Amino acid sequence: MTDSSSAPRRDIDRTAAGLAACLPALYRALDRRIARDFPHPKPPEGQLALLRFVARSEGTTVREAAQALLMKPNNVSTLVSQMTEAGLLERRQDSTDKRIAHLYPTDTARRRLAEVRALETEHLRQALTSLTDGELGALGSAMEALTALTHRLQPPAH
């Protein structure tokens, strides 16, 4: 006689292992396609993540960005310096506390982010058109669950 309580555990373990293997592979495959087709030097992933965050949260600070991206503030500060020198980010001093800088994407950064997003969308659209209706339906149904899982993996806000 088998323990029926171990069946759900095995399903969860199998799903966890599958996600841990599949999601990075999906990301790498998409990233390689983007790098191949992007007409500019592709920023490293850390810079791209910071750029995306700053574009969504204009005026954010290094500390806020570090917390949102799960990075150390000194590492984000280094990225900000590199990206400012590259003309991708602009720092503006806080009007009340001169030690704080607010971050904004430059026009060049906005254009390049739009190019990356367009490439991501196009490559995913092409790949999705090759799936069966059942596979598309399963992916659509999984989106909400994947979003919830992502939020549950985030550390609690301080």
Protein backbone atom coordinates (compact mmCIF):
# COMPACT_ATOMS: atom_id res chain seq x y z
CA MET A 1 0.00 0.00 0.00
CA THR A 2 1.38 3.40 -0.95
CA ASP A 3 1.22 6.53 1.12
CA SER A 4 -1.28 8.80 -0.66
CA SER A 5 0.15 11.89 1.06
CA SER A 6 3.48 11.37 -0.72
CA ALA A 7 1.87 11.66 -4.19
CA PRO A 8 1.22 15.44 -3.92
CA ARG A 9 4.76 15.88 -2.55
CA ARG A 10 6.21 14.03 -5.57
CA ASP A 11 4.12 16.22 -7.90
CA ILE A 12 5.41 19.37 -6.21
CA ASP A 13 8.99 18.09 -6.33
CA ARG A 14 8.63 17.22 -10.03
CA THR A 15 7.12 20.65 -10.80
CA ALA A 16 9.84 22.45 -8.83
CA ALA A 17 12.59 20.53 -10.62
CA GLY A 18 10.96 21.14 -13.99
CA LEU A 19 10.65 24.88 -13.38
CA ALA A 20 14.23 25.11 -12.10
CA ALA A 21 15.44 23.48 -15.31
CA CYS A 22 13.05 25.04 -17.82
CA LEU A 23 12.90 28.71 -16.83
CA PRO A 24 16.65 29.40 -17.03
CA ALA A 25 16.84 27.53 -20.34
CA LEU A 26 13.94 29.56 -21.71
CA TYR A 27 15.59 32.77 -20.55
CA ARG A 28 18.97 31.82 -22.09
CA ALA A 29 17.39 30.87 -25.40
CA LEU A 30 15.53 34.18 -25.61
CA ASP A 31 18.59 36.12 -24.43
CA ARG A 32 20.75 34.55 -27.18
CA ARG A 33 18.19 35.50 -29.82
CA ILE A 34 18.06 39.08 -28.52
CA ALA A 35 21.86 39.35 -28.41
CA ARG A 36 22.07 38.06 -31.99
CA ASP A 37 19.56 40.59 -33.34
CA PHE A 38 20.18 43.64 -31.12
CA PRO A 39 22.06 46.23 -33.21
CA HIS A 40 23.95 47.66 -30.23
CA PRO A 41 26.27 46.10 -27.67
CA LYS A 42 23.86 44.30 -25.35
CA PRO A 43 24.20 45.48 -21.76
CA PRO A 44 25.00 42.81 -19.17
CA GLU A 45 21.94 41.35 -17.45
CA GLY A 46 22.45 43.38 -14.25
CA GLN A 47 22.49 46.62 -16.22
CA LEU A 48 19.46 45.60 -18.23
CA ALA A 49 17.51 44.68 -15.08
CA LEU A 50 18.42 48.04 -13.50
CA LEU A 51 17.49 49.91 -16.66
CA ARG A 52 14.11 48.17 -16.82
CA PHE A 53 13.45 48.95 -13.18
CA VAL A 54 14.42 52.62 -13.52
CA ALA A 55 12.23 52.95 -16.62
CA ARG A 56 9.26 51.58 -14.61
CA SER A 57 10.12 53.58 -11.48
CA GLU A 58 11.57 56.87 -12.66
CA GLY A 59 13.12 58.89 -9.87
CA THR A 60 14.00 55.81 -7.83
CA THR A 61 17.12 55.83 -5.67
CA VAL A 62 20.03 53.40 -5.62
CA ARG A 63 18.78 51.94 -2.35
CA GLU A 64 15.25 51.42 -3.69
CA ALA A 65 16.58 49.84 -6.87
CA ALA A 66 18.87 47.54 -4.90
CA GLN A 67 16.01 46.39 -2.72
CA ALA A 68 13.69 45.79 -5.68
CA LEU A 69 16.37 43.92 -7.68
CA LEU A 70 17.63 41.92 -4.68
CA MET A 71 21.12 43.38 -5.09
CA LYS A 72 23.57 45.06 -2.74
CA PRO A 73 23.42 48.88 -2.88
CA ASN A 74 27.17 49.14 -3.62
CA ASN A 75 26.74 46.84 -6.65
CA VAL A 76 23.82 48.93 -7.92
CA SER A 77 25.86 52.07 -7.35
CA THR A 78 28.65 50.62 -9.50
CA LEU A 79 26.14 49.76 -12.24
CA VAL A 80 24.69 53.28 -12.05
CA SER A 81 28.19 54.78 -12.50
CA GLN A 82 28.86 52.55 -15.52
CA MET A 83 25.50 53.29 -17.07
CA THR A 84 25.79 57.02 -16.44
CA GLU A 85 29.15 57.02 -18.23
CA ALA A 86 27.59 55.03 -21.09
CA GLY A 87 24.81 57.60 -21.44
CA LEU A 88 22.02 55.26 -20.35
CA LEU A 89 21.13 56.70 -16.94
CA GLU A 90 20.93 60.19 -15.53
CA ARG A 91 21.43 60.99 -11.84
CA ARG A 92 19.63 63.98 -10.34
CA GLN A 93 20.42 65.16 -6.84
CA ASP A 94 17.62 65.18 -4.30
CA SER A 95 16.50 68.74 -3.54
CA THR A 96 16.51 68.23 0.23
CA ASP A 97 19.26 65.64 0.78
CA LYS A 98 22.29 66.08 -1.48
CA ARG A 99 23.55 62.58 -0.59
CA ILE A 100 20.62 61.03 -2.45
CA ALA A 101 20.43 60.79 -6.22
CA HIS A 102 17.31 59.97 -8.21
CA LEU A 103 17.71 57.86 -11.33
CA TYR A 104 16.19 58.43 -14.76
CA PRO A 105 16.68 56.63 -18.07
CA THR A 106 18.08 58.73 -20.91
CA ASP A 107 16.35 58.97 -24.28
CA THR A 108 18.96 56.55 -25.67
CA ALA A 109 18.11 54.05 -22.93
CA ARG A 110 14.39 54.36 -23.62
CA ARG A 111 14.94 53.68 -27.33
CA ARG A 112 17.17 50.67 -26.66
CA LEU A 113 14.77 49.22 -24.09
CA ALA A 114 11.97 49.57 -26.63
CA GLU A 115 14.13 47.73 -29.18
CA VAL A 116 14.82 44.91 -26.72
CA ARG A 117 11.14 44.63 -25.82
CA ALA A 118 10.18 44.51 -29.49
CA LEU A 119 12.73 41.76 -30.14
CA GLU A 120 11.55 39.78 -27.10
CA THR A 121 7.94 40.06 -28.22
CA GLU A 122 8.73 39.07 -31.79
CA HIS A 123 10.85 36.05 -30.86
CA LEU A 124 8.27 34.83 -28.34
CA ARG A 125 5.44 35.43 -30.80
CA GLN A 126 7.23 33.34 -33.42
CA ALA A 127 7.88 30.52 -30.96
CA LEU A 128 4.31 30.61 -29.64
CA THR A 129 2.85 30.26 -33.11
CA SER A 130 4.55 26.86 -33.39
CA LEU A 131 2.75 25.50 -30.31
CA THR A 132 -0.47 23.53 -30.37
CA ASP A 133 -3.71 25.08 -29.14
CA GLY A 134 -3.45 22.91 -26.03
CA GLU A 135 0.10 24.08 -25.30
CA LEU A 136 -0.93 27.72 -25.79
CA GLY A 137 -3.89 27.24 -23.48
CA ALA A 138 -1.70 25.63 -20.82
CA LEU A 139 0.80 28.50 -21.00
CA GLY A 140 -1.99 31.05 -20.76
CA SER A 141 -3.41 29.29 -17.73
CA ALA A 142 0.03 29.08 -16.11
CA MET A 143 0.76 32.82 -16.37
CA GLU A 144 -1.20 33.78 -13.26
CA ALA A 145 0.33 30.93 -11.26
CA LEU A 146 3.87 31.84 -12.41
CA THR A 147 3.30 35.46 -11.43
CA ALA A 148 2.06 34.38 -7.98
CA LEU A 149 5.05 32.05 -7.60
CA THR A 150 7.43 34.89 -8.49
CA HIS A 151 5.89 37.09 -5.79
CA ARG A 152 6.12 34.32 -3.20
CA LEU A 153 9.82 33.85 -3.93
CA GLN A 154 10.53 37.54 -3.32
CA PRO A 155 11.84 38.30 0.17
CA PRO A 156 9.49 40.29 2.40
CA ALA A 157 9.84 44.08 2.18
CA HIS A 158 11.58 45.74 5.10
